Protein backbone atom coordinates (compact mmCIF):
# COMPACT_ATOMS: atom_id res chain seq x y z
CA MET A 1 -0.02 -0.01 0.02
CA THR A 2 1.13 3.49 -0.70
CA PRO A 3 1.39 5.94 2.22
CA GLU A 4 -1.73 7.75 1.00
CA GLU A 5 -3.72 4.47 0.91
CA ARG A 6 -2.60 3.74 4.42
CA ARG A 7 -3.80 7.14 5.59
CA ARG A 8 -7.04 6.90 3.51
CA PRO A 9 -8.01 3.21 2.90
CA GLU A 10 -11.27 4.28 1.36
CA LEU A 11 -9.27 5.07 -1.75
CA LEU A 12 -8.67 1.37 -2.44
CA ASP A 13 -10.78 -0.05 -5.25
CA GLY A 14 -11.42 -3.71 -5.95
CA LYS A 15 -8.57 -4.16 -8.29
CA ARG A 16 -6.04 -2.66 -5.82
CA ARG A 17 -7.46 -4.74 -3.03
CA ARG A 18 -6.92 -7.95 -5.06
CA ARG A 19 -3.27 -6.87 -5.74
CA ILE A 20 -2.69 -6.19 -2.06
CA ALA A 21 -4.12 -9.61 -1.26
CA ARG A 22 -1.89 -11.37 -3.75
CA GLY A 23 1.20 -9.49 -2.36
CA SER A 24 0.39 -10.42 1.21
CA GLY A 25 -0.51 -14.03 0.57
CA THR A 26 -4.12 -13.61 1.76
CA SER A 27 -7.52 -13.49 -0.01
CA ALA A 28 -9.32 -10.31 -1.12
CA GLN A 29 -12.02 -11.24 1.48
CA GLN A 30 -9.47 -11.14 4.21
CA VAL A 31 -8.23 -7.71 3.05
CA ASN A 32 -11.90 -6.48 2.93
CA GLN A 33 -12.45 -7.81 6.46
CA LEU A 34 -9.36 -6.08 7.77
CA LEU A 35 -10.42 -2.75 6.22
CA ARG A 36 -13.87 -3.08 7.77
CA GLN A 37 -12.37 -3.78 11.19
CA PHE A 38 -9.99 -0.80 10.78
CA ALA A 39 -12.85 1.52 9.82
CA ALA A 40 -14.88 0.38 12.87
CA LEU A 41 -11.91 0.80 15.20
CA ARG A 42 -11.18 4.22 13.79
CA GLN A 43 -14.79 5.30 14.45
CA LEU A 44 -14.59 3.94 17.94
CA MET A 45 -11.39 5.83 18.66
CA LYS A 46 -12.91 9.05 17.29
CA GLY A 47 -15.87 8.57 19.59
CA MET A 48 -13.54 8.31 22.58
CA LYS A 49 -11.60 11.32 21.65
CA GLY A 50 -14.00 13.95 22.90
CA GLY A 51 -14.68 12.22 26.17
CA LYS A 52 -18.37 12.02 25.42
CA GLY A 53 -20.74 9.39 24.16
CA LYS A 54 -21.21 5.71 24.50
CA ALA A 55 -17.66 4.79 23.43
CA ALA A 56 -16.08 7.08 25.95
CA GLU A 57 -18.36 5.81 28.71
CA LEU A 58 -17.46 2.22 27.86
CA ALA A 59 -13.70 3.11 27.98
CA ARG A 60 -14.18 4.73 31.44
CA ARG A 61 -15.95 1.62 32.77
CA LEU A 62 -13.34 -0.72 31.32
CA GLY A 63 -10.56 1.39 32.71
CA GLY A 64 -11.70 0.81 36.22
CA MET A 65 -11.97 -2.96 35.81
CA LYS A 66 -9.38 -5.30 37.43
CA LEU A 67 -8.31 -8.15 35.17
CA PRO A 68 -7.96 -11.57 36.70
CA MET A 69 -4.28 -12.96 36.61
């Protein structure tokens, strides 16, 4: 991927996604799944940025949890 495609993955068309999949040894479906997960995570992180909303509240709740060892 080019630096611009890494910054803005929405620029990738189907042909480019197939080429990326071939180069990485994966399928086009796996590349598409990765891009969907990335978009969802990006949206979640933007939601937590302002400290308001459901995502930020969830982060605050999880931050206070103690994880079992």
